Protein backbone atom coordinates (compact mmCIF):
# COMPACT_ATOMS: atom_id res chain seq x y z
CA UNK A 1 144.74 118.64 72.18
CA UNK A 2 144.01 114.76 71.75
CA UNK A 3 142.14 113.24 74.55
CA UNK A 4 144.25 110.84 76.67
CA UNK A 5 143.36 107.22 76.31
CA UNK A 6 141.07 105.99 79.13
CA UNK A 7 140.68 109.44 80.35
CA UNK A 8 136.78 109.43 79.68
CA UNK A 9 136.33 106.16 81.51
CA UNK A 10 138.21 107.60 84.60
CA UNK A 11 136.18 110.97 84.64
CA UNK A 12 132.81 109.38 84.32
CA UNK A 13 133.75 107.21 87.49
CA UNK A 14 134.48 110.21 89.62
CA UNK A 15 130.92 110.81 90.79
CA UNK A 16 130.91 107.34 92.02
CA UNK A 17 133.96 108.02 93.99
CA UNK A 18 132.95 111.17 95.59
CA UNK A 19 129.57 111.55 97.24
CA UNK A 20 127.38 114.50 96.88
CA UNK A 21 128.52 117.32 99.27
CA UNK A 22 126.32 117.66 102.42
CA UNK A 23 125.50 120.78 104.60
CA UNK A 24 124.54 120.11 108.18
CA UNK A 25 121.02 121.46 108.84
CA UNK A 26 120.69 124.56 111.02
CA UNK A 27 118.50 122.50 113.27
CA UNK A 28 121.50 120.65 114.56
CA UNK A 29 123.04 123.83 116.18
CA UNK A 30 121.04 123.16 119.42
CA UNK A 31 122.51 119.61 119.55
CA UNK A 32 125.95 120.95 119.07
CA UNK A 33 125.43 123.63 121.78
CA UNK A 34 123.96 120.94 124.14
CA UNK A 35 127.09 118.70 123.65
CA UNK A 36 129.47 121.46 124.23
CA UNK A 37 127.80 122.55 127.46
CA UNK A 38 128.03 119.06 128.77
CA UNK A 39 131.68 118.85 127.87
CA UNK A 40 132.40 122.08 129.36
CA UNK A 41 130.66 121.16 132.61
CA UNK A 42 132.57 117.69 132.57
CA UNK A 43 135.95 119.65 132.13
CA UNK A 44 135.02 122.05 134.81
CA UNK A 45 134.48 119.23 137.40
CA UNK A 46 137.81 117.76 136.46
CA UNK A 47 136.06 114.47 135.10
CA UNK A 48 138.88 114.01 132.36
CA UNK A 49 141.72 115.93 130.90
CA UNK A 50 141.79 116.45 127.09
CA UNK A 51 144.13 114.07 125.23
CA UNK A 52 145.04 113.44 121.70
CA UNK A 53 144.01 110.26 119.82
CA UNK A 54 141.20 109.54 122.38
CA UNK A 55 139.43 106.99 120.46
CA UNK A 56 142.40 104.67 120.92
CA UNK A 57 143.77 105.75 124.44
CA UNK A 58 140.83 107.42 126.30
CA UNK A 59 139.07 104.41 127.91
CA UNK A 60 136.58 105.61 130.61
CA UNK A 61 133.43 103.61 131.01
CA UNK A 62 131.86 105.99 133.28
CA UNK A 63 132.02 108.70 130.62
CA UNK A 64 130.60 106.28 128.10
CA UNK A 65 127.78 105.60 130.38
CA UNK A 66 127.03 109.20 130.89
CA UNK A 67 126.81 109.63 127.07
CA UNK A 68 124.47 106.69 126.95
CA UNK A 69 122.21 108.30 129.55
CA UNK A 70 121.94 111.33 127.44
CA UNK A 71 121.11 109.53 124.20
CA UNK A 72 124.44 110.13 122.57
CA UNK A 73 125.39 106.63 121.98
CA UNK A 74 123.39 104.23 119.64
CA UNK A 75 121.95 107.39 118.03
CA UNK A 76 121.20 105.73 114.79
CA UNK A 77 119.95 102.25 116.34
CA UNK A 78 116.13 102.04 116.21
CA UNK A 79 114.26 102.48 119.37
CA UNK A 80 113.04 98.75 119.33
CA UNK A 81 116.79 97.81 119.90
CA UNK A 82 117.31 100.30 122.71
CA UNK A 83 118.73 103.09 120.43
CA UNK A 84 117.32 106.64 119.61
CA UNK A 85 116.34 106.34 115.89
CA UNK A 86 118.36 109.54 114.92
CA UNK A 87 120.15 110.26 111.67
CA UNK A 88 123.84 109.75 110.86
CA UNK A 89 124.35 113.59 110.51
CA UNK A 90 123.04 114.05 114.19
CA UNK A 91 125.60 111.27 115.25
CA UNK A 92 128.20 113.12 113.31
CA UNK A 93 127.70 116.35 115.27
CA UNK A 94 127.90 114.51 118.67
CA UNK A 95 131.20 112.62 117.37
CA UNK A 96 132.72 115.82 116.22
CA UNK A 97 132.38 117.59 119.39
CA UNK A 98 133.73 114.68 121.42
CA UNK A 99 136.76 114.39 119.31
CA UNK A 100 137.60 118.13 119.12
CA UNK A 101 137.29 118.23 122.92
CA UNK A 102 139.80 115.40 123.38
CA UNK A 103 137.07 113.42 125.43
CA UNK A 104 137.64 109.71 126.51
CA UNK A 105 135.51 107.86 124.04
CA UNK A 106 137.70 104.64 123.60
CA UNK A 107 135.44 102.35 125.64
CA UNK A 108 132.28 102.79 123.43
CA UNK A 109 134.05 103.77 120.19
CA UNK A 110 134.15 100.60 118.12
CA UNK A 111 130.80 99.25 119.37
CA UNK A 112 129.06 102.51 118.54
CA UNK A 113 130.91 103.34 115.33
CA UNK A 114 131.02 99.85 113.59
CA UNK A 115 129.23 97.12 115.52
CA UNK A 116 126.01 98.67 116.00
CA UNK A 117 125.44 99.48 112.11
CA UNK A 118 126.83 96.20 111.34
CA UNK A 119 124.56 94.27 113.53
CA UNK A 120 121.58 96.21 111.93
CA UNK A 121 122.75 95.32 108.48
CA UNK A 122 123.77 91.58 108.92
CA UNK A 123 122.86 90.36 112.41
CA UNK A 124 120.04 88.10 113.29
CA UNK A 125 117.09 89.38 115.56
CA UNK A 126 118.55 87.41 118.59
CA UNK A 127 122.10 89.07 118.11
CA UNK A 128 120.54 92.52 117.82
CA UNK A 129 118.45 92.05 120.92
CA UNK A 130 121.55 90.62 122.80
CA UNK A 131 124.04 93.38 121.97
CA UNK A 132 122.35 96.57 120.71
CA UNK A 133 120.59 97.87 123.87
CA UNK A 134 123.92 97.46 125.81
CA UNK A 135 125.81 99.42 123.15
CA UNK A 136 123.25 102.21 123.33
CA UNK A 137 123.81 102.46 127.04
CA UNK A 138 127.36 102.42 126.81
CA UNK A 139 127.65 99.24 128.82
CA UNK A 140 128.95 96.70 126.10
CA UNK A 141 132.20 97.06 124.43
CA UNK A 142 133.66 95.57 121.43
CA UNK A 143 136.94 94.97 119.55
CA UNK A 144 137.65 94.07 115.90
CA UNK A 145 139.42 90.71 114.97
CA UNK A 146 140.78 91.42 111.37
CA UNK A 147 144.64 91.65 111.41
CA UNK A 148 146.85 88.69 112.04
CA UNK A 149 150.64 88.13 112.49
CA UNK A 150 152.47 88.37 109.33
CA UNK A 151 149.45 89.47 107.35
CA UNK A 152 149.69 93.25 107.62
CA UNK A 153 146.66 94.97 105.87
CA UNK A 154 146.20 91.87 103.44
CA UNK A 155 143.15 90.59 105.15
CA UNK A 156 142.75 88.01 102.29
CA UNK A 157 145.72 86.05 103.76
CA UNK A 158 144.01 85.50 107.26
CA UNK A 159 144.86 81.90 108.38
CA UNK A 160 142.43 81.69 111.65
CA UNK A 161 140.18 79.00 110.79
CA UNK A 162 136.73 77.87 111.85
CA UNK A 163 136.00 74.10 111.59
CA UNK A 164 132.46 72.77 111.52
CA UNK A 165 131.57 70.73 114.69
CA UNK A 166 128.36 69.53 116.22
CA UNK A 167 126.18 72.46 117.02
CA UNK A 168 128.66 75.19 115.88
CA UNK A 169 132.19 75.87 115.03
CA UNK A 170 135.64 75.48 116.46
CA UNK A 171 137.82 78.43 116.09
CA UNK A 172 141.70 78.39 116.14
CA UNK A 173 144.24 80.94 115.19
CA UNK A 174 145.57 84.29 116.33
CA UNK A 175 144.40 87.97 115.84
CA UNK A 176 146.78 91.00 116.48
CA UNK A 177 146.53 94.64 117.28
CA UNK A 178 143.07 94.28 118.70
CA UNK A 179 142.37 97.60 120.39
CA UNK A 180 140.82 97.32 123.84
CA UNK A 181 140.49 93.46 123.71
CA UNK A 182 141.43 93.36 127.47
CA UNK A 183 138.38 95.39 128.26
CA UNK A 184 135.97 94.34 125.52
CA UNK A 185 133.06 91.93 125.99
CA UNK A 186 133.12 90.61 122.23
CA UNK A 187 134.36 91.20 118.83
CA UNK A 188 133.89 90.31 115.24
CA UNK A 189 136.34 87.98 113.86
CA UNK A 190 137.15 87.40 110.22
CA UNK A 191 138.10 83.71 109.62
CA UNK A 192 138.33 80.94 107.04
CA UNK A 193 135.58 78.62 106.84
CA UNK A 194 136.76 77.06 103.48
CA UNK A 195 140.27 76.25 102.16
CA UNK A 196 142.16 79.11 100.62
CA UNK A 197 141.95 79.37 96.75
CA UNK A 198 144.79 81.54 95.50
CA UNK A 199 142.77 82.30 92.41
CA UNK A 200 139.87 83.78 94.42
CA UNK A 201 141.59 84.92 97.60
CA UNK A 202 138.61 86.68 99.08
CA UNK A 203 136.29 83.55 98.80
CA UNK A 204 135.68 81.31 101.80
CA UNK A 205 135.83 83.95 104.54
CA UNK A 206 133.20 84.33 107.13
CA UNK A 207 132.58 86.45 110.15
CA UNK A 208 131.83 85.19 113.76
CA UNK A 209 130.63 87.23 116.80
CA UNK A 210 133.01 86.01 119.46
CA UNK A 211 132.34 86.58 123.04
CA UNK A 212 135.90 87.08 124.66
CA UNK A 213 135.26 85.34 127.94
CA UNK A 214 134.71 81.88 126.12
CA UNK A 215 137.03 78.94 127.20
CA UNK A 216 140.13 78.87 124.91
CA UNK A 217 140.54 82.50 124.27
CA UNK A 218 143.65 84.03 125.64
CA UNK A 219 144.29 87.86 125.50
CA UNK A 220 147.93 88.86 125.46
CA UNK A 221 148.86 92.50 125.90
CA UNK A 222 151.14 94.46 123.38
CA UNK A 223 152.50 97.25 125.41
CA UNK A 224 153.78 100.41 124.03
CA UNK A 225 157.35 101.75 124.76
CA UNK A 226 155.80 103.79 127.50
CA UNK A 227 154.13 100.86 129.14
CA UNK A 228 150.61 102.01 128.00
CA UNK A 229 148.43 99.12 127.03
CA UNK A 230 145.97 99.63 124.21
CA UNK A 231 146.76 96.81 121.78
CA UNK A 232 146.42 92.96 122.20
CA UNK A 233 147.07 89.63 120.68
CA UNK A 234 144.05 87.31 120.95
CA UNK A 235 144.72 83.66 120.73
CA UNK A 236 141.97 81.02 119.85
CA UNK A 237 142.70 77.38 121.01
CA UNK A 238 139.84 75.32 119.63
CA UNK A 239 137.22 77.92 120.75
CA UNK A 240 133.51 76.72 120.47
CA UNK A 241 131.36 79.20 118.62
CA UNK A 242 127.59 78.15 118.55
CA UNK A 243 125.77 78.73 115.27
CA UNK A 244 123.87 81.52 116.82
CA UNK A 245 127.17 83.56 116.75
CA UNK A 246 127.71 83.17 113.01
CA UNK A 247 127.63 86.76 111.82
CA UNK A 248 125.93 87.22 108.38
CA UNK A 249 126.32 84.80 105.70
CA UNK A 250 128.88 82.21 105.64
CA UNK A 251 131.49 82.76 102.89
CA UNK A 252 130.34 86.43 102.69
CA UNK A 253 132.82 87.75 105.22
CA UNK A 254 134.78 89.68 102.63
CA UNK A 255 132.05 91.71 101.39
CA UNK A 256 130.65 92.40 105.06
CA UNK A 257 134.11 93.55 106.18
CA UNK A 258 134.50 95.98 103.33
CA UNK A 259 131.12 97.51 104.15
CA UNK A 260 132.03 98.04 107.82
CA UNK A 261 135.30 99.66 106.73
CA UNK A 262 133.20 102.46 105.28
CA UNK A 263 132.23 103.36 108.70
CA UNK A 264 135.80 102.83 110.23
CA UNK A 265 137.60 104.89 107.52
CA UNK A 266 135.42 107.90 106.88
CA UNK A 267 134.48 109.50 110.23
CA UNK A 268 135.91 112.61 111.64
CA UNK A 269 138.38 110.66 113.93
CA UNK A 270 140.33 110.31 110.68
CA UNK A 271 141.35 114.04 110.79
CA UNK A 272 140.40 115.15 114.33
CA UNK A 273 142.71 112.66 116.50
CA UNK A 274 145.21 115.49 116.67
CA UNK A 275 142.96 118.42 116.69
CA UNK A 276 143.24 119.11 120.37
CA UNK A 277 147.02 119.32 119.64
CA UNK A 278 146.48 121.92 116.95
CA UNK A 279 144.17 123.85 119.13
CA UNK A 280 146.84 123.81 121.84
CA UNK A 281 149.39 124.81 119.25
CA UNK A 282 147.57 127.95 118.16
CA UNK A 283 147.15 128.77 121.80
CA UNK A 284 150.97 128.31 122.63
CA UNK A 285 151.85 130.50 119.37
CA UNK A 286 149.36 133.27 120.39
CA UNK A 287 150.63 133.33 124.03
CA UNK A 288 154.17 133.78 122.61
CA UNK A 289 153.26 137.03 120.78
CA UNK A 290 154.18 138.12 117.41
CA UNK A 291 154.06 135.18 114.98
CA UNK A 292 156.26 135.40 111.69
CA UNK A 293 154.55 135.30 108.29
CA UNK A 294 155.83 131.61 107.56
CA UNK A 295 154.19 130.34 110.71
CA UNK A 296 150.95 131.92 109.99
CA UNK A 297 150.90 130.48 106.52
CA UNK A 298 151.56 127.08 107.84
CA UNK A 299 149.02 127.30 110.66
CA UNK A 300 146.47 128.68 108.02
CA UNK A 301 147.09 125.64 105.74
CA UNK A 302 146.41 123.35 108.44
CA UNK A 303 143.25 124.99 109.58
CA UNK A 304 141.89 125.53 106.05
CA UNK A 305 142.55 121.76 105.23
CA UNK A 306 140.66 120.53 108.18
CA UNK A 307 137.54 122.08 106.63
CA UNK A 308 138.18 120.40 103.29
CA UNK A 309 138.65 117.03 104.93
CA UNK A 310 135.35 117.60 107.10
CA UNK A 311 133.36 118.29 103.76
CA UNK A 312 134.61 114.88 102.42
CA UNK A 313 133.94 113.14 105.61
CA UNK A 314 130.30 114.67 105.86
CA UNK A 315 129.72 113.69 102.30
CA UNK A 316 130.40 110.13 103.15
CA UNK A 317 128.07 110.40 106.28
CA UNK A 318 125.38 111.65 104.10
CA UNK A 319 125.93 108.67 101.80
CA UNK A 320 125.81 106.28 104.80
CA UNK A 321 122.48 107.91 106.09
CA UNK A 322 120.88 107.29 102.70
CA UNK A 323 121.86 103.51 102.96
CA UNK A 324 124.97 103.55 100.70
CA UNK A 325 128.28 102.01 101.64
CA UNK A 326 130.84 104.25 99.86
CA UNK A 327 133.92 102.31 100.44
CA UNK A 328 136.03 104.16 97.93
CA UNK A 329 135.33 107.60 99.21
CA UNK A 330 135.99 106.36 102.73
CA UNK A 331 139.33 105.04 101.63
CA UNK A 332 140.25 108.53 100.39
CA UNK A 333 139.17 110.42 103.52
CA UNK A 334 141.18 107.88 105.67
CA UNK A 335 144.38 108.30 103.57
CA UNK A 336 144.24 111.99 103.29
CA UNK A 337 143.16 112.41 106.90
CA UNK A 338 145.89 110.36 108.52
CA UNK A 339 148.63 112.06 106.53
CA UNK A 340 147.12 115.41 107.69
CA UNK A 341 147.18 114.35 111.37
CA UNK A 342 150.87 113.46 111.05
CA UNK A 343 151.48 117.05 109.70
CA UNK A 344 149.95 118.58 112.66
CA UNK A 345 152.48 116.59 114.84
CA UNK A 346 155.36 117.73 112.66
CA UNK A 347 154.07 121.37 112.80
CA UNK A 348 153.85 121.30 116.72
CA UNK A 349 157.31 119.83 117.01
CA UNK A 350 158.94 122.46 114.72
CA UNK A 351 156.94 125.57 115.74
CA UNK A 352 157.07 125.35 119.56
CA UNK A 353 160.22 124.85 121.76
CA UNK A 354 158.44 122.59 124.06
CA UNK A 355 159.39 118.81 124.06
CA UNK A 356 156.74 116.03 124.47
CA UNK A 357 156.47 114.77 127.87
CA UNK A 358 154.55 111.48 128.54
CA UNK A 359 154.72 112.30 132.21
CA UNK A 360 152.78 115.72 132.06
CA UNK A 361 149.27 115.54 133.42
CA UNK A 362 147.89 117.90 130.79
CA UNK A 363 148.78 120.81 128.50
CA UNK A 364 150.63 121.19 125.33
CA UNK A 365 153.62 118.84 126.39
CA UNK A 366 151.05 116.06 127.22
CA UNK A 367 149.06 116.36 124.03
CA UNK A 368 152.25 116.43 121.94
CA UNK A 369 153.60 113.26 123.70
CA UNK A 370 150.21 111.38 122.98
CA UNK A 371 150.33 112.39 119.42
CA UNK A 372 154.01 111.50 118.86
CA UNK A 373 153.57 108.09 120.50
CA UNK A 374 150.44 107.23 118.45
CA UNK A 375 151.32 108.82 115.08
CA UNK A 376 152.95 105.71 113.68
CA UNK A 377 149.62 103.92 113.91
CA UNK A 378 147.60 106.74 112.28
CA UNK A 379 148.30 105.28 108.81
CA UNK A 380 148.10 101.53 109.92
CA UNK A 381 144.70 101.46 111.57
CA UNK A 382 141.92 100.76 108.97
CA UNK A 383 144.44 99.96 106.26
CA UNK A 384 147.85 101.41 105.35
CA UNK A 385 147.98 104.35 103.11
CA UNK A 386 149.44 102.04 100.25
CA UNK A 387 146.44 99.61 100.50
CA UNK A 388 143.94 102.53 100.59
CA UNK A 389 145.38 104.20 97.42
CA UNK A 390 145.33 100.82 95.58
CA UNK A 391 141.65 100.57 96.55
CA UNK A 392 141.06 104.15 95.05
CA UNK A 393 143.05 103.43 91.88
CA UNK A 394 141.10 100.28 91.10
CA UNK A 395 137.81 102.13 91.91
CA UNK A 396 138.85 104.80 89.32
CA UNK A 397 139.82 102.17 86.77
CA UNK A 398 143.47 103.05 86.97
CA UNK A 399 144.75 99.55 87.77
């Protein structure tokens, strides 16, 4: 059989796309047991109720501070910046347990997942000292200022501009779908510092570290149909940003953002957002008695695939620990993981005759309601599936 034209080029690039598999060291079993015991005690005390998609909706500053007290935030931040100098795999274990339990992690989520590592890579010494200790304590919260009205996932089309003024920059424009901005202290904003060049659409973009209490910043809520408030529109009206809050290199914003997205797209949240619903679904089916073979096969498929996705996500975590930024592999994890999460929602609606109930305090109906309401956003946050597939295809030399 004759070789397919271009096949050898594609195959030789696959190792670059998929990092080496990683096994968690047995030494982390003690850490996992410690986190589980803490979560069980919190549940027993009624401190919170498990929910689905907790890294968006589970805002609980007290819980975040309790994690900080135990050294489970800022785990990979060096001690000189208030962190704990631990590895990415140790952080992975803690994150996995929090998500599987449906614990309220939204307050610290973006700061701990993206902002801390980004500050270590690109921040100035002053910026690190100003923000990293508070992130590690669970006391400083961040949002992300990337998306804009009418831009969708096309970040190269951003129109928010920063204009040079005496001592800094003047920021004008709008960011949208900014999770938690109404609670957050600051966010990273991707803006234009040079006129747009259609031949080089990613050039002329820079990042700024914007404290959200600055004059000229207006935060407008974007409520869900239920009235819940997670998303916001953030409007800048000639907001002054001092030079000390330029983040990274001017004009290097696109490269910095794509590096950050490796942290955003590859973590266990990309396949565990609906895990509490899957666990509740198994409980409902078990309580109902005999389960037909078709249902067993469907549940078995979901359970086995979570382990496959976990192995892929762990491989990216291992690459991040070694200092790499595997953007392509992260995009693949995000695409496959968010589709999987929606399949859990579909299975729960089909296999159990219990409708979603946003008014329920807890239980299967509450978890199903959370998942149904948030499911449309699974494939949007961190880039649409279509955008992610384009990234992977280009990385494999297919387009």
